[in-house]
Structure formats: C-alpha cells, structure tokens
C-alpha cells in the first residue's frame, strides 16, 4: 500500500500556499496606497485553487534512472504557473493620480485572507496530530 502525504493533506496544503501568496500581494497593495499610478492587484482564490486541483496530476519529473522518485499526483510547482494570472482591481472611486488602491478594501481583504490561512493551518495541524497518534499507536 502506497501512502502519499499530498493525498493525506489534500488540497489544504495548496490553499495555504495560495493564501500566503495572496497576503504578500495584498500587503503590497496596502504599502503602495500612496504611490501615484499604482494599480491594485489580487488573485481569485477559488479559481486558482480549482485550477491547481484540476491539474494536480500534470506534474512530471525527468528521471534518468527507473528508481528515481516520480511526482505523480503531486501539485508541486503549479503555484507559480497559476499565480501568474493576477488581476487588477477595478476601483470604486478612481483617484486623480491614477492609484486604484482602496485602503479599507485592501485591509479587509487582508484580514479575511489571514483568517482563512489560520483556519487551514489549524485543520492541517489537526491532521498532523492524528497522524502522529496513529504512528505512536495511541
């Protein structure tokens, strides 16, 4: 019987990576709130996760020996490809200097993203705790 950690943790590990990257993007938006001409960026979490999920089996490694490890079923390396599809926000109130950052919207999105990250982290922590219990025979 083959046991894969990707399969055990499911999509939650990828969700953590997406939330982490989205936090960086939103923090950049907040930091550039006063930069003339800056365009606020974001990613669509649901679409990104769905894309990563649908292409989960597409990862492959070049091997020179049949005993090398394969990446079948792994989602490794997909995050950078998928996150290349960032979108720009349409401002609700355009600024005179061309900046599209709405500080309240960005801070709200950042906090929501942080809560989702913490939720995923707690869920994965519970899975790890159960795995450790199973390995100890408790």
Protein backbone atom coordinates (compact mmCIF):
# COMPACT_ATOMS: atom_id res chain seq x y z
CA UNK A 1 0.00 0.00 0.00
CA UNK A 2 1.39 3.35 -1.02
CA UNK A 3 0.96 6.34 1.27
CA UNK A 4 1.39 9.85 -0.11
CA UNK A 5 1.42 12.97 2.02
CA UNK A 6 -0.06 15.01 -0.83
CA UNK A 7 -3.07 12.73 -0.78
CA UNK A 8 -3.27 12.73 3.02
CA UNK A 9 -3.19 16.52 3.39
CA UNK A 10 -5.40 17.06 0.38
CA UNK A 11 -5.88 20.46 -1.13
CA UNK A 12 -5.30 22.28 2.18
CA UNK A 13 -1.54 22.49 1.74
CA UNK A 14 -2.03 24.22 -1.61
CA UNK A 15 -4.64 26.52 -0.07
CA UNK A 16 -2.03 27.61 2.48
CA UNK A 17 0.40 28.47 -0.30
CA UNK A 18 -2.23 30.47 -2.17
CA UNK A 19 -3.28 32.34 1.00
CA UNK A 20 0.37 33.10 1.75
CA UNK A 21 1.00 34.48 -1.72
CA UNK A 22 -2.25 36.48 -1.62
CA UNK A 23 -1.14 38.03 1.70
CA UNK A 24 2.04 39.25 0.01
CA UNK A 25 0.05 40.76 -2.86
CA UNK A 26 -2.45 42.49 -0.56
CA UNK A 27 0.36 43.80 1.68
CA UNK A 28 1.99 45.24 -1.43
CA UNK A 29 -1.26 46.96 -2.31
CA UNK A 30 -1.53 48.47 1.17
CA UNK A 31 2.12 49.59 1.09
CA UNK A 32 1.58 51.33 -2.25
CA UNK A 33 -1.65 53.10 -1.29
CA UNK A 34 0.02 56.50 -1.79
CA UNK A 35 2.06 55.62 -4.88
CA UNK A 36 0.81 57.57 -7.91
CA UNK A 37 -0.28 55.31 -10.77
CA UNK A 38 -0.10 52.09 -8.74
CA UNK A 39 -2.70 49.52 -9.80
CA UNK A 40 -4.07 47.28 -7.03
CA UNK A 41 -3.64 43.57 -7.80
CA UNK A 42 -5.25 40.42 -6.47
CA UNK A 43 -5.82 36.78 -7.30
CA UNK A 44 -9.08 34.89 -7.44
CA UNK A 45 -8.60 32.31 -4.68
CA UNK A 46 -11.40 29.98 -5.78
CA UNK A 47 -10.35 29.96 -9.43
CA UNK A 48 -6.68 29.46 -8.53
CA UNK A 49 -7.46 26.56 -6.21
CA UNK A 50 -9.79 24.98 -8.77
CA UNK A 51 -7.09 25.27 -11.44
CA UNK A 52 -4.48 23.69 -9.17
CA UNK A 53 -6.90 20.92 -8.28
CA UNK A 54 -7.79 20.17 -11.91
CA UNK A 55 -4.15 19.97 -12.98
CA UNK A 56 -2.92 18.04 -9.93
CA UNK A 57 -1.73 15.04 -11.91
CA UNK A 58 0.09 17.06 -14.58
CA UNK A 59 3.37 17.43 -12.68
CA UNK A 60 6.17 15.28 -14.02
CA UNK A 61 9.89 14.95 -13.41
CA UNK A 62 12.60 13.89 -15.79
CA UNK A 63 14.32 10.77 -14.49
CA UNK A 64 17.46 9.08 -15.68
CA UNK A 65 17.04 6.01 -13.51
CA UNK A 66 13.88 3.91 -13.01
CA UNK A 67 14.50 4.04 -9.24
CA UNK A 68 14.14 7.83 -9.11
CA UNK A 69 11.15 9.30 -7.30
CA UNK A 70 8.26 10.42 -9.50
CA UNK A 71 5.89 13.31 -8.86
CA UNK A 72 2.72 11.59 -10.00
CA UNK A 73 -0.30 13.13 -8.31
CA UNK A 74 1.77 15.96 -6.88
CA UNK A 75 0.81 19.62 -7.21
CA UNK A 76 4.42 20.74 -6.82
CA UNK A 77 5.43 23.64 -8.99
CA UNK A 78 1.89 24.58 -10.04
CA UNK A 79 1.57 27.59 -7.75
CA UNK A 80 3.88 29.88 -9.72
CA UNK A 81 2.21 28.95 -13.01
CA UNK A 82 -1.28 29.60 -11.68
CA UNK A 83 -0.41 32.79 -9.79
CA UNK A 84 0.93 34.32 -12.98
CA UNK A 85 -2.73 35.10 -13.73
CA UNK A 86 -3.10 38.03 -11.32
CA UNK A 87 -5.83 40.52 -11.98
CA UNK A 88 -6.04 44.26 -11.41
CA UNK A 89 -8.82 45.65 -9.25
CA UNK A 90 -11.37 48.00 -10.74
CA UNK A 91 -11.57 50.99 -8.41
CA UNK A 92 -14.92 52.02 -6.96
CA UNK A 93 -13.65 55.61 -6.75
CA UNK A 94 -10.86 56.43 -9.19
CA UNK A 95 -8.06 58.56 -7.82
CA UNK A 96 -6.75 61.70 -9.51
CA UNK A 97 -3.20 60.32 -9.52
CA UNK A 98 -4.27 57.00 -11.13
CA UNK A 99 -3.83 54.91 -7.98
CA UNK A 100 -6.52 52.21 -7.70
CA UNK A 101 -5.83 51.11 -4.09
CA UNK A 102 -8.77 51.40 -1.68
CA UNK A 103 -7.07 51.07 1.73
CA UNK A 104 -10.23 49.92 3.54
CA UNK A 105 -10.96 47.26 0.93
CA UNK A 106 -7.35 46.05 0.95
CA UNK A 107 -7.18 45.83 4.75
CA UNK A 108 -10.50 43.99 4.85
CA UNK A 109 -9.34 41.52 2.19
CA UNK A 110 -6.02 41.07 4.04
CA UNK A 111 -7.78 40.26 7.33
CA UNK A 112 -10.19 37.84 5.66
CA UNK A 113 -7.27 36.12 3.94
CA UNK A 114 -5.35 35.91 7.24
CA UNK A 115 -8.35 34.26 8.94
CA UNK A 116 -8.66 31.72 6.13
CA UNK A 117 -4.92 30.99 6.40
CA UNK A 118 -5.25 30.38 10.14
CA UNK A 119 -8.26 28.11 9.59
CA UNK A 120 -6.37 26.00 7.05
CA UNK A 121 -3.34 25.89 9.33
CA UNK A 122 -5.43 24.62 12.26
CA UNK A 123 -7.06 22.00 10.06
CA UNK A 124 -3.67 20.74 8.86
CA UNK A 125 -2.38 20.81 12.44
CA UNK A 126 -5.25 18.52 13.44
CA UNK A 127 -4.44 16.13 10.60
CA UNK A 128 -0.78 16.03 11.67
CA UNK A 129 -1.82 15.40 15.28
CA UNK A 130 -4.00 12.45 14.17
CA UNK A 131 -1.17 11.09 12.03
CA UNK A 132 1.26 11.29 14.95
CA UNK A 133 -1.26 9.50 17.18
CA UNK A 134 -1.65 6.75 14.60
CA UNK A 135 2.12 6.35 14.29
CA UNK A 136 2.51 6.12 18.06
CA UNK A 137 -0.30 3.59 18.24
CA UNK A 138 -2.47 5.65 20.58
